[in-house]
Amino acid sequence: MLDPQVESVREMTDTIAERIATLGGVPLGTPQSIVDRRSW
């Protein structure tokens, strides 16, 4: 059940990152940047 969820969430992530870039932002997806920005 989990693999299709992983693929779908990966696509969601890509869509958001591309929207950030479209708006003039820089999507930061490196491991340390993710850890630094997590609040949970």
PDB file of all heavy atoms in Angstrom:
ATOM      1  N   MET A   1       0.826  -1.202   0.000  1.00  0.00           N
ATOM      2  CA  MET A   1       0.000   0.000   0.000  1.00  0.00           C
ATOM      3  C   MET A   1       0.869   1.263   0.000  1.00  0.00           C
ATOM      4  O   MET A   1       0.482   2.291  -0.559  1.00  0.00           O
ATOM      5  CB  MET A   1      -0.906   0.007   1.241  1.00  0.00           C
ATOM      6  CG  MET A   1      -1.688   1.291   1.458  1.00  0.00           C
ATOM      7  SD  MET A   1      -2.655   1.302   2.985  1.00  0.00           S
ATOM      8  CE  MET A   1      -1.379   1.537   4.234  1.00  0.00           C
ATOM      9  N   LEU A   2       2.054   1.168   0.603  1.00  0.00           N
ATOM     10  CA  LEU A   2       2.853   2.368   0.822  1.00  0.00           C
ATOM     11  C   LEU A   2       3.593   2.860  -0.417  1.00  0.00           C
ATOM     12  O   LEU A   2       3.763   4.071  -0.577  1.00  0.00           O
ATOM     13  CB  LEU A   2       3.836   2.133   1.973  1.00  0.00           C
ATOM     14  CG  LEU A   2       3.163   1.928   3.333  1.00  0.00           C
ATOM     15  CD1 LEU A   2       4.214   1.617   4.388  1.00  0.00           C
ATOM     16  CD2 LEU A   2       2.323   3.122   3.734  1.00  0.00           C
ATOM     17  N   ASP A   3       4.061   1.986  -1.287  1.00  0.00           N
ATOM     18  CA  ASP A   3       4.832   2.443  -2.451  1.00  0.00           C
ATOM     19  C   ASP A   3       4.062   3.405  -3.349  1.00  0.00           C
ATOM     20  O   ASP A   3       4.616   4.432  -3.758  1.00  0.00           O
ATOM     21  CB  ASP A   3       5.380   1.265  -3.256  1.00  0.00           C
ATOM     22  CG  ASP A   3       6.773   0.860  -2.801  1.00  0.00           C
ATOM     23  OD1 ASP A   3       7.460   1.674  -2.139  1.00  0.00           O
ATOM     24  OD2 ASP A   3       7.182  -0.272  -3.107  1.00  0.00           O
ATOM     25  N   PRO A   4       2.797   3.145  -3.678  1.00  0.00           N
ATOM     26  CA  PRO A   4       2.068   4.138  -4.479  1.00  0.00           C
ATOM     27  C   PRO A   4       1.913   5.478  -3.753  1.00  0.00           C
ATOM     28  O   PRO A   4       1.919   6.533  -4.388  1.00  0.00           O
ATOM     29  CB  PRO A   4       0.703   3.486  -4.723  1.00  0.00           C
ATOM     30  CG  PRO A   4       0.941   2.027  -4.556  1.00  0.00           C
ATOM     31  CD  PRO A   4       2.023   1.905  -3.525  1.00  0.00           C
ATOM     32  N   GLN A   5       1.804   5.443  -2.427  1.00  0.00           N
ATOM     33  CA  GLN A   5       1.732   6.691  -1.667  1.00  0.00           C
ATOM     34  C   GLN A   5       3.049   7.450  -1.769  1.00  0.00           C
ATOM     35  O   GLN A   5       3.053   8.672  -1.938  1.00  0.00           O
ATOM     36  CB  GLN A   5       1.378   6.408  -0.199  1.00  0.00           C
ATOM     37  CG  GLN A   5      -0.042   5.909  -0.024  1.00  0.00           C
ATOM     38  CD  GLN A   5      -0.423   5.698   1.425  1.00  0.00           C
ATOM     39  OE1 GLN A   5       0.083   6.353   2.327  1.00  0.00           O
ATOM     40  NE2 GLN A   5      -1.358   4.774   1.655  1.00  0.00           N
ATOM     41  N   VAL A   6       4.166   6.729  -1.680  1.00  0.00           N
ATOM     42  CA  VAL A   6       5.487   7.367  -1.816  1.00  0.00           C
ATOM     43  C   VAL A   6       5.580   8.068  -3.163  1.00  0.00           C
ATOM     44  O   VAL A   6       5.979   9.237  -3.244  1.00  0.00           O
ATOM     45  CB  VAL A   6       6.630   6.337  -1.666  1.00  0.00           C
ATOM     46  CG1 VAL A   6       7.973   6.945  -2.039  1.00  0.00           C
ATOM     47  CG2 VAL A   6       6.681   5.765  -0.261  1.00  0.00           C
ATOM     48  N   GLU A   7       5.212   7.388  -4.227  1.00  0.00           N
ATOM     49  CA  GLU A   7       5.301   7.964  -5.575  1.00  0.00           C
ATOM     50  C   GLU A   7       4.393   9.186  -5.721  1.00  0.00           C
ATOM     51  O   GLU A   7       4.785  10.195  -6.304  1.00  0.00           O
ATOM     52  CB  GLU A   7       4.974   6.909  -6.635  1.00  0.00           C
ATOM     53  CG  GLU A   7       6.036   5.846  -6.779  1.00  0.00           C
ATOM     54  CD  GLU A   7       7.416   6.432  -7.025  1.00  0.00           C
ATOM     55  OE1 GLU A   7       7.567   7.310  -7.903  1.00  0.00           O
ATOM     56  OE2 GLU A   7       8.363   6.011  -6.324  1.00  0.00           O
ATOM     57  N   SER A   8       3.194   9.089  -5.197  1.00  0.00           N
ATOM     58  CA  SER A   8       2.263  10.209  -5.285  1.00  0.00           C
ATOM     59  C   SER A   8       2.771  11.416  -4.506  1.00  0.00           C
ATOM     60  O   SER A   8       2.727  12.553  -5.000  1.00  0.00           O
ATOM     61  CB  SER A   8       0.895   9.770  -4.757  1.00  0.00           C
ATOM     62  OG  SER A   8       0.015  10.858  -4.716  1.00  0.00           O
ATOM     63  N   VAL A   9       3.267  11.186  -3.300  1.00  0.00           N
ATOM     64  CA  VAL A   9       3.778  12.283  -2.475  1.00  0.00           C
ATOM     65  C   VAL A   9       5.024  12.875  -3.132  1.00  0.00           C
ATOM     66  O   VAL A   9       5.228  14.097  -3.098  1.00  0.00           O
ATOM     67  CB  VAL A   9       4.039  11.817  -1.026  1.00  0.00           C
ATOM     68  CG1 VAL A   9       4.760  12.880  -0.218  1.00  0.00           C
ATOM     69  CG2 VAL A   9       2.723  11.427  -0.350  1.00  0.00           C
ATOM     70  N   ARG A  10       5.840  12.046  -3.762  1.00  0.00           N
ATOM     71  CA  ARG A  10       7.007  12.560  -4.488  1.00  0.00           C
ATOM     72  C   ARG A  10       6.563  13.502  -5.609  1.00  0.00           C
ATOM     73  O   ARG A  10       7.156  14.559  -5.816  1.00  0.00           O
ATOM     74  CB  ARG A  10       7.820  11.392  -5.053  1.00  0.00           C
ATOM     75  CG  ARG A  10       9.135  11.830  -5.674  1.00  0.00           C
ATOM     76  CD  ARG A  10       9.999  10.649  -6.087  1.00  0.00           C
ATOM     77  NE  ARG A  10      10.483   9.991  -4.882  1.00  0.00           N
ATOM     78  CZ  ARG A  10      10.566   8.661  -4.732  1.00  0.00           C
ATOM     79  NH1 ARG A  10      10.202   7.857  -5.690  1.00  0.00           N
ATOM     80  NH2 ARG A  10      11.021   8.142  -3.623  1.00  0.00           N
ATOM     81  N   GLU A  11       5.504  13.150  -6.322  1.00  0.00           N
ATOM     82  CA  GLU A  11       4.969  14.022  -7.374  1.00  0.00           C
ATOM     83  C   GLU A  11       4.419  15.319  -6.792  1.00  0.00           C
ATOM     84  O   GLU A  11       4.600  16.397  -7.369  1.00  0.00           O
ATOM     85  CB  GLU A  11       3.888  13.295  -8.167  1.00  0.00           C
ATOM     86  CG  GLU A  11       4.438  12.215  -9.085  1.00  0.00           C
ATOM     87  CD  GLU A  11       3.345  11.464  -9.835  1.00  0.00           C
ATOM     88  OE1 GLU A  11       2.239  12.020 -10.014  1.00  0.00           O
ATOM     89  OE2 GLU A  11       3.608  10.320 -10.247  1.00  0.00           O
ATOM     90  N   MET A  12       3.751  15.223  -5.637  1.00  0.00           N
ATOM     91  CA  MET A  12       3.244  16.434  -4.982  1.00  0.00           C
ATOM     92  C   MET A  12       4.399  17.371  -4.635  1.00  0.00           C
ATOM     93  O   MET A  12       4.304  18.589  -4.829  1.00  0.00           O
ATOM     94  CB  MET A  12       2.495  16.074  -3.694  1.00  0.00           C
ATOM     95  CG  MET A  12       1.202  15.363  -3.885  1.00  0.00           C
ATOM     96  SD  MET A  12       0.521  14.930  -2.248  1.00  0.00           S
ATOM     97  CE  MET A  12      -0.700  13.718  -2.730  1.00  0.00           C
ATOM     98  N   THR A  13       5.469  16.792  -4.113  1.00  0.00           N
ATOM     99  CA  THR A  13       6.645  17.573  -3.742  1.00  0.00           C
ATOM    100  C   THR A  13       7.212  18.288  -4.959  1.00  0.00           C
ATOM    101  O   THR A  13       7.542  19.478  -4.904  1.00  0.00           O
ATOM    102  CB  THR A  13       7.721  16.657  -3.115  1.00  0.00           C
ATOM    103  OG1 THR A  13       7.146  15.955  -2.021  1.00  0.00           O
ATOM    104  CG2 THR A  13       8.917  17.444  -2.645  1.00  0.00           C
ATOM    105  N   ASP A  14       7.306  17.578  -6.064  1.00  0.00           N
ATOM    106  CA  ASP A  14       7.840  18.160  -7.295  1.00  0.00           C
ATOM    107  C   ASP A  14       6.946  19.297  -7.784  1.00  0.00           C
ATOM    108  O   ASP A  14       7.435  20.354  -8.195  1.00  0.00           O
ATOM    109  CB  ASP A  14       7.975  17.074  -8.364  1.00  0.00           C
ATOM    110  CG  ASP A  14       8.705  17.562  -9.588  1.00  0.00           C
ATOM    111  OD1 ASP A  14       9.836  18.073  -9.446  1.00  0.00           O
ATOM    112  OD2 ASP A  14       8.156  17.428 -10.701  1.00  0.00           O
ATOM    113  N   THR A  15       5.653  19.106  -7.711  1.00  0.00           N
ATOM    114  CA  THR A  15       4.709  20.144  -8.131  1.00  0.00           C
ATOM    115  C   THR A  15       4.872  21.403  -7.283  1.00  0.00           C
ATOM    116  O   THR A  15       4.896  22.520  -7.810  1.00  0.00           O
ATOM    117  CB  THR A  15       3.261  19.616  -8.037  1.00  0.00           C
ATOM    118  OG1 THR A  15       3.140  18.477  -8.895  1.00  0.00           O
ATOM    119  CG2 THR A  15       2.254  20.668  -8.440  1.00  0.00           C
ATOM    120  N   ILE A  16       5.009  21.225  -5.977  1.00  0.00           N
ATOM    121  CA  ILE A  16       5.198  22.380  -5.093  1.00  0.00           C
ATOM    122  C   ILE A  16       6.527  23.070  -5.388  1.00  0.00           C
ATOM    123  O   ILE A  16       6.594  24.302  -5.471  1.00  0.00           O
ATOM    124  CB  ILE A  16       5.094  21.975  -3.612  1.00  0.00           C
ATOM    125  CG1 ILE A  16       3.642  21.637  -3.278  1.00  0.00           C
ATOM    126  CG2 ILE A  16       5.613  23.088  -2.702  1.00  0.00           C
ATOM    127  CD1 ILE A  16       3.422  21.141  -1.869  1.00  0.00           C
ATOM    128  N   ALA A  17       7.593  22.280  -5.541  1.00  0.00           N
ATOM    129  CA  ALA A  17       8.910  22.872  -5.823  1.00  0.00           C
ATOM    130  C   ALA A  17       8.869  23.681  -7.117  1.00  0.00           C
ATOM    131  O   ALA A  17       9.423  24.788  -7.188  1.00  0.00           O
ATOM    132  CB  ALA A  17       9.969  21.777  -5.901  1.00  0.00           C
ATOM    133  N   GLU A  18       8.206  23.158  -8.131  1.00  0.00           N
ATOM    134  CA  GLU A  18       8.116  23.878  -9.398  1.00  0.00           C
ATOM    135  C   GLU A  18       7.259  25.135  -9.267  1.00  0.00           C
ATOM    136  O   GLU A  18       7.537  26.148  -9.900  1.00  0.00           O
ATOM    137  CB  GLU A  18       7.603  22.946 -10.490  1.00  0.00           C
ATOM    138  CG  GLU A  18       8.648  21.906 -10.855  1.00  0.00           C
ATOM    139  CD  GLU A  18       8.167  20.860 -11.836  1.00  0.00           C
ATOM    140  OE1 GLU A  18       6.964  20.845 -12.193  1.00  0.00           O
ATOM    141  OE2 GLU A  18       9.011  20.026 -12.242  1.00  0.00           O
ATOM    142  N   ARG A  19       6.243  25.101  -8.409  1.00  0.00           N
ATOM    143  CA  ARG A  19       5.431  26.305  -8.182  1.00  0.00           C
ATOM    144  C   ARG A  19       6.264  27.369  -7.461  1.00  0.00           C
ATOM    145  O   ARG A  19       6.187  28.551  -7.795  1.00  0.00           O
ATOM    146  CB  ARG A  19       4.166  25.961  -7.362  1.00  0.00           C
ATOM    147  CG  ARG A  19       3.248  27.156  -7.135  1.00  0.00           C
ATOM    148  CD  ARG A  19       2.578  27.594  -8.413  1.00  0.00           C
ATOM    149  NE  ARG A  19       1.750  28.779  -8.166  1.00  0.00           N
ATOM    150  CZ  ARG A  19       1.422  29.644  -9.095  1.00  0.00           C
ATOM    151  NH1 ARG A  19       1.805  29.461 -10.353  1.00  0.00           N
ATOM    152  NH2 ARG A  19       0.679  30.680  -8.800  1.00  0.00           N
ATOM    153  N   ILE A  20       7.076  26.945  -6.501  1.00  0.00           N
ATOM    154  CA  ILE A  20       7.973  27.874  -5.813  1.00  0.00           C
ATOM    155  C   ILE A  20       8.889  28.549  -6.827  1.00  0.00           C
ATOM    156  O   ILE A  20       9.063  29.773  -6.808  1.00  0.00           O
ATOM    157  CB  ILE A  20       8.787  27.146  -4.720  1.00  0.00           C
ATOM    158  CG1 ILE A  20       7.873  26.754  -3.552  1.00  0.00           C
ATOM    159  CG2 ILE A  20       9.951  28.006  -4.226  1.00  0.00           C
ATOM    160  CD1 ILE A  20       8.505  25.803  -2.540  1.00  0.00           C
ATOM    161  N   ALA A  21       9.464  27.768  -7.737  1.00  0.00           N
ATOM    162  CA  ALA A  21      10.352  28.327  -8.762  1.00  0.00           C
ATOM    163  C   ALA A  21       9.582  29.266  -9.694  1.00  0.00           C
ATOM    164  O   ALA A  21      10.084  30.334 -10.067  1.00  0.00           O
ATOM    165  CB  ALA A  21      11.020  27.207  -9.556  1.00  0.00           C
ATOM    166  N   THR A  22       8.362  28.895 -10.051  1.00  0.00           N
ATOM    167  CA  THR A  22       7.534  29.734 -10.919  1.00  0.00           C
ATOM    168  C   THR A  22       7.283  31.103 -10.284  1.00  0.00           C
ATOM    169  O   THR A  22       7.246  32.117 -10.978  1.00  0.00           O
ATOM    170  CB  THR A  22       6.185  29.037 -11.202  1.00  0.00           C
ATOM    171  OG1 THR A  22       6.442  27.808 -11.888  1.00  0.00           O
ATOM    172  CG2 THR A  22       5.258  29.898 -12.030  1.00  0.00           C
ATOM    173  N   LEU A  23       7.141  31.125  -8.974  1.00  0.00           N
ATOM    174  CA  LEU A  23       6.873  32.374  -8.261  1.00  0.00           C
ATOM    175  C   LEU A  23       8.137  33.162  -7.973  1.00  0.00           C
ATOM    176  O   LEU A  23       8.073  34.239  -7.373  1.00  0.00           O
ATOM    177  CB  LEU A  23       6.124  32.086  -6.962  1.00  0.00           C
ATOM    178  CG  LEU A  23       4.734  31.473  -7.128  1.00  0.00           C
ATOM    179  CD1 LEU A  23       4.120  31.162  -5.777  1.00  0.00           C
ATOM    180  CD2 LEU A  23       3.827  32.380  -7.945  1.00  0.00           C
ATOM    181  N   GLY A  24       9.291  32.631  -8.404  1.00  0.00           N
ATOM    182  CA  GLY A  24      10.548  33.339  -8.208  1.00  0.00           C
ATOM    183  C   GLY A  24      11.346  32.869  -7.013  1.00  0.00           C
ATOM    184  O   GLY A  24      12.363  33.459  -6.672  1.00  0.00           O
ATOM    185  N   GLY A  25      10.883  31.822  -6.370  1.00  0.00           N
ATOM    186  CA  GLY A  25      11.593  31.276  -5.225  1.00  0.00           C
ATOM    187  C   GLY A  25      12.617  30.239  -5.634  1.00  0.00           C
ATOM    188  O   GLY A  25      12.712  29.854  -6.799  1.00  0.00           O
ATOM    189  N   VAL A  26      13.371  29.804  -4.667  1.00  0.00           N
ATOM    190  CA  VAL A  26      14.380  28.764  -4.876  1.00  0.00           C
ATOM    191  C   VAL A  26      14.008  27.593  -3.979  1.00  0.00           C
ATOM    192  O   VAL A  26      14.152  27.674  -2.752  1.00  0.00           O
ATOM    193  CB  VAL A  26      15.795  29.273  -4.530  1.00  0.00           C
ATOM    194  CG1 VAL A  26      16.826  28.162  -4.695  1.00  0.00           C
ATOM    195  CG2 VAL A  26      16.154  30.483  -5.392  1.00  0.00           C
ATOM    196  N   PRO A  27      13.486  26.504  -4.543  1.00  0.00           N
ATOM    197  CA  PRO A  27      13.130  25.354  -3.718  1.00  0.00           C
ATOM    198  C   PRO A  27      14.399  24.655  -3.205  1.00  0.00           C
ATOM    199  O   PRO A  27      15.218  24.206  -3.998  1.00  0.00           O
ATOM    200  CB  PRO A  27      12.335  24.455  -4.661  1.00  0.00           C
ATOM    201  CG  PRO A  27      12.637  24.926  -6.033  1.00  0.00           C
ATOM    202  CD  PRO A  27      13.152  26.320  -5.950  1.00  0.00           C
ATOM    203  N   LEU A  28      14.542  24.627  -1.896  1.00  0.00           N
ATOM    204  CA  LEU A  28      15.717  24.009  -1.284  1.00  0.00           C
ATOM    205  C   LEU A  28      15.331  22.632  -0.758  1.00  0.00           C
ATOM    206  O   LEU A  28      14.554  22.527   0.184  1.00  0.00           O
ATOM    207  CB  LEU A  28      16.249  24.878  -0.145  1.00  0.00           C
ATOM    208  CG  LEU A  28      16.698  26.279  -0.533  1.00  0.00           C
ATOM    209  CD1 LEU A  28      17.051  27.089   0.710  1.00  0.00           C
ATOM    210  CD2 LEU A  28      17.873  26.218  -1.488  1.00  0.00           C
ATOM    211  N   GLY A  29      15.898  21.603  -1.379  1.00  0.00           N
ATOM    212  CA  GLY A  29      15.553  20.241  -0.998  1.00  0.00           C
ATOM    213  C   GLY A  29      16.730  19.409  -0.539  1.00  0.00           C
ATOM    214  O   GLY A  29      16.645  18.192  -0.540  1.00  0.00           O
ATOM    215  N   THR A  30      17.819  20.047  -0.137  1.00  0.00           N
ATOM    216  CA  THR A  30      18.967  19.283   0.343  1.00  0.00           C
ATOM    217  C   THR A  30      18.674  18.747   1.747  1.00  0.00           C
ATOM    218  O   THR A  30      17.891  19.354   2.496  1.00  0.00           O
ATOM    219  CB  THR A  30      20.242  20.153   0.351  1.00  0.00           C
ATOM    220  OG1 THR A  30      20.011  21.282   1.198  1.00  0.00           O
ATOM    221  CG2 THR A  30      20.593  20.613  -1.062  1.00  0.00           C
ATOM    222  N   PRO A  31      19.291  17.631   2.111  1.00  0.00           N
ATOM    223  CA  PRO A  31      18.970  17.019   3.407  1.00  0.00           C
ATOM    224  C   PRO A  31      19.099  17.964   4.594  1.00  0.00           C
ATOM    225  O   PRO A  31      18.174  18.060   5.413  1.00  0.00           O
ATOM    226  CB  PRO A  31      19.972  15.853   3.504  1.00  0.00           C
ATOM    227  CG  PRO A  31      20.233  15.474   2.082  1.00  0.00           C
ATOM    228  CD  PRO A  31      20.218  16.790   1.329  1.00  0.00           C
ATOM    229  N   GLN A  32      20.201  18.675   4.705  1.00  0.00           N
ATOM    230  CA  GLN A  32      20.372  19.549   5.863  1.00  0.00           C
ATOM    231  C   GLN A  32      19.368  20.687   5.860  1.00  0.00           C
ATOM    232  O   GLN A  32      18.850  21.067   6.907  1.00  0.00           O
ATOM    233  CB  GLN A  32      21.798  20.115   5.923  1.00  0.00           C
ATOM    234  CG  GLN A  32      22.097  20.851   7.217  1.00  0.00           C
ATOM    235  CD  GLN A  32      21.992  19.947   8.442  1.00  0.00           C
ATOM    236  OE1 GLN A  32      22.631  18.898   8.505  1.00  0.00           O
ATOM    237  NE2 GLN A  32      21.165  20.328   9.404  1.00  0.00           N
ATOM    238  N   SER A  33      19.045  21.222   4.679  1.00  0.00           N
ATOM    239  CA  SER A  33      18.072  22.318   4.629  1.00  0.00           C
ATOM    240  C   SER A  33      16.697  21.839   5.072  1.00  0.00           C
ATOM    241  O   SER A  33      15.949  22.592   5.708  1.00  0.00           O
ATOM    242  CB  SER A  33      18.015  22.943   3.236  1.00  0.00           C
ATOM    243  OG  SER A  33      17.354  22.091   2.323  1.00  0.00           O
ATOM    244  N   ILE A  34      16.367  20.596   4.771  1.00  0.00           N
ATOM    245  CA  ILE A  34      15.080  20.035   5.196  1.00  0.00           C
ATOM    246  C   ILE A  34      15.060  19.894   6.714  1.00  0.00           C
ATOM    247  O   ILE A  34      14.119  20.318   7.386  1.00  0.00           O
ATOM    248  CB  ILE A  34      14.817  18.674   4.517  1.00  0.00           C
ATOM    249  CG1 ILE A  34      14.743  18.830   2.995  1.00  0.00           C
ATOM    250  CG2 ILE A  34      13.562  18.007   5.068  1.00  0.00           C
ATOM    251  CD1 ILE A  34      13.715  19.799   2.489  1.00  0.00           C
ATOM    252  N   VAL A  35      16.107  19.317   7.272  1.00  0.00           N
ATOM    253  CA  VAL A  35      16.188  19.144   8.726  1.00  0.00           C
ATOM    254  C   VAL A  35      16.136  20.494   9.433  1.00  0.00           C
ATOM    255  O   VAL A  35      15.427  20.667  10.426  1.00  0.00           O
ATOM    256  CB  VAL A  35      17.463  18.363   9.112  1.00  0.00           C
ATOM    257  CG1 VAL A  35      17.682  18.377  10.620  1.00  0.00           C
ATOM    258  CG2 VAL A  35      17.389  16.934   8.590  1.00  0.00           C
ATOM    259  N   ASP A  36      16.856  21.472   8.902  1.00  0.00           N
ATOM    260  CA  ASP A  36      16.890  22.801   9.518  1.00  0.00           C
ATOM    261  C   ASP A  36      15.525  23.478   9.531  1.00  0.00           C
ATOM    262  O   ASP A  36      15.237  24.278  10.420  1.00  0.00           O
ATOM    263  CB  ASP A  36      17.884  23.710   8.792  1.00  0.00           C
ATOM    264  CG  ASP A  36      19.329  23.310   9.013  1.00  0.00           C
ATOM    265  OD1 ASP A  36      19.608  22.504   9.928  1.00  0.00           O
ATOM    266  OD2 ASP A  36      20.190  23.810   8.259  1.00  0.00           O
ATOM    267  N   ARG A  37      14.680  23.182   8.549  1.00  0.00           N
ATOM    268  CA  ARG A  37      13.392  23.868   8.430  1.00  0.00           C
ATOM    269  C   ARG A  37      12.229  23.079   9.029  1.00  0.00           C
ATOM    270  O   ARG A  37      11.111  23.573   9.077  1.00  0.00           O
ATOM    271  CB  ARG A  37      13.123  24.211   6.963  1.00  0.00           C
ATOM    272  CG  ARG A  37      14.146  25.217   6.456  1.00  0.00           C
ATOM    273  CD  ARG A  37      13.902  25.811   5.090  1.00  0.00           C
ATOM    274  NE  ARG A  37      13.184  25.107   4.080  1.00  0.00           N
ATOM    275  CZ  ARG A  37      13.744  24.309   3.146  1.00  0.00           C
ATOM    276  NH1 ARG A  37      15.037  24.081   3.134  1.00  0.00           N
ATOM    277  NH2 ARG A  37      13.002  23.756   2.216  1.00  0.00           N
ATOM    278  N   ARG A  38      12.469  21.875   9.487  1.00  0.00           N
ATOM    279  CA  ARG A  38      11.394  21.075  10.105  1.00  0.00           C
ATOM    280  C   ARG A  38      10.997  21.647  11.448  1.00  0.00           C
ATOM    281  O   ARG A  38      11.839  22.110  12.202  1.00  0.00           O
ATOM    282  CB  ARG A  38      11.856  19.634  10.333  1.00  0.00           C
ATOM    283  CG  ARG A  38      11.866  18.812   9.125  1.00  0.00           C
ATOM    284  CD  ARG A  38      12.373  17.428   9.362  1.00  0.00           C
ATOM    285  NE  ARG A  38      12.133  16.933  10.700  1.00  0.00           N
ATOM    286  CZ  ARG A  38      12.315  15.679  11.045  1.00  0.00           C
ATOM    287  NH1 ARG A  38      12.746  14.813  10.174  1.00  0.00           N
ATOM    288  NH2 ARG A  38      12.091  15.290  12.269  1.00  0.00           N
ATOM    289  N   SER A  39       9.723  21.574  11.761  1.00  0.00           N
ATOM    290  CA  SER A  39       9.239  22.050  13.066  1.00  0.00           C
ATOM    291  C   SER A  39       8.623  20.899  13.870  1.00  0.00           C
ATOM    292  O   SER A  39       7.965  21.127  14.868  1.00  0.00           O
ATOM    293  CB  SER A  39       8.221  23.171  12.865  1.00  0.00           C
ATOM    294  OG  SER A  39       7.125  22.701  12.116  1.00  0.00           O
ATOM    295  N   TRP A  40       8.837  19.669  13.451  1.00  0.00           N
ATOM    296  CA  TRP A  40       8.249  18.512  14.115  1.00  0.00           C
ATOM    297  C   TRP A  40       9.342  17.501  14.420  1.00  0.00           C
ATOM    298  O   TRP A  40      10.437  17.563  13.875  1.00  0.00           O
ATOM    299  CB  TRP A  40       7.155  17.874  13.251  1.00  0.00           C
ATOM    300  CG  TRP A  40       7.626  17.571  11.860  1.00  0.00           C
ATOM    301  CD1 TRP A  40       8.216  16.413  11.416  1.00  0.00           C
ATOM    302  CD2 TRP A  40       7.585  18.442  10.725  1.00  0.00           C
ATOM    303  NE1 TRP A  40       8.532  16.523  10.087  1.00  0.00           N
ATOM    304  CE2 TRP A  40       8.155  17.760   9.644  1.00  0.00           C
ATOM    305  CE3 TRP A  40       7.105  19.743  10.530  1.00  0.00           C
ATOM    306  CZ2 TRP A  40       8.274  18.333   8.381  1.00  0.00           C
ATOM    307  CZ3 TRP A  40       7.236  20.300   9.272  1.00  0.00           C
ATOM    308  CH2 TRP A  40       7.796  19.596   8.213  1.00  0.00           C
TER     309      TRP A  40
END
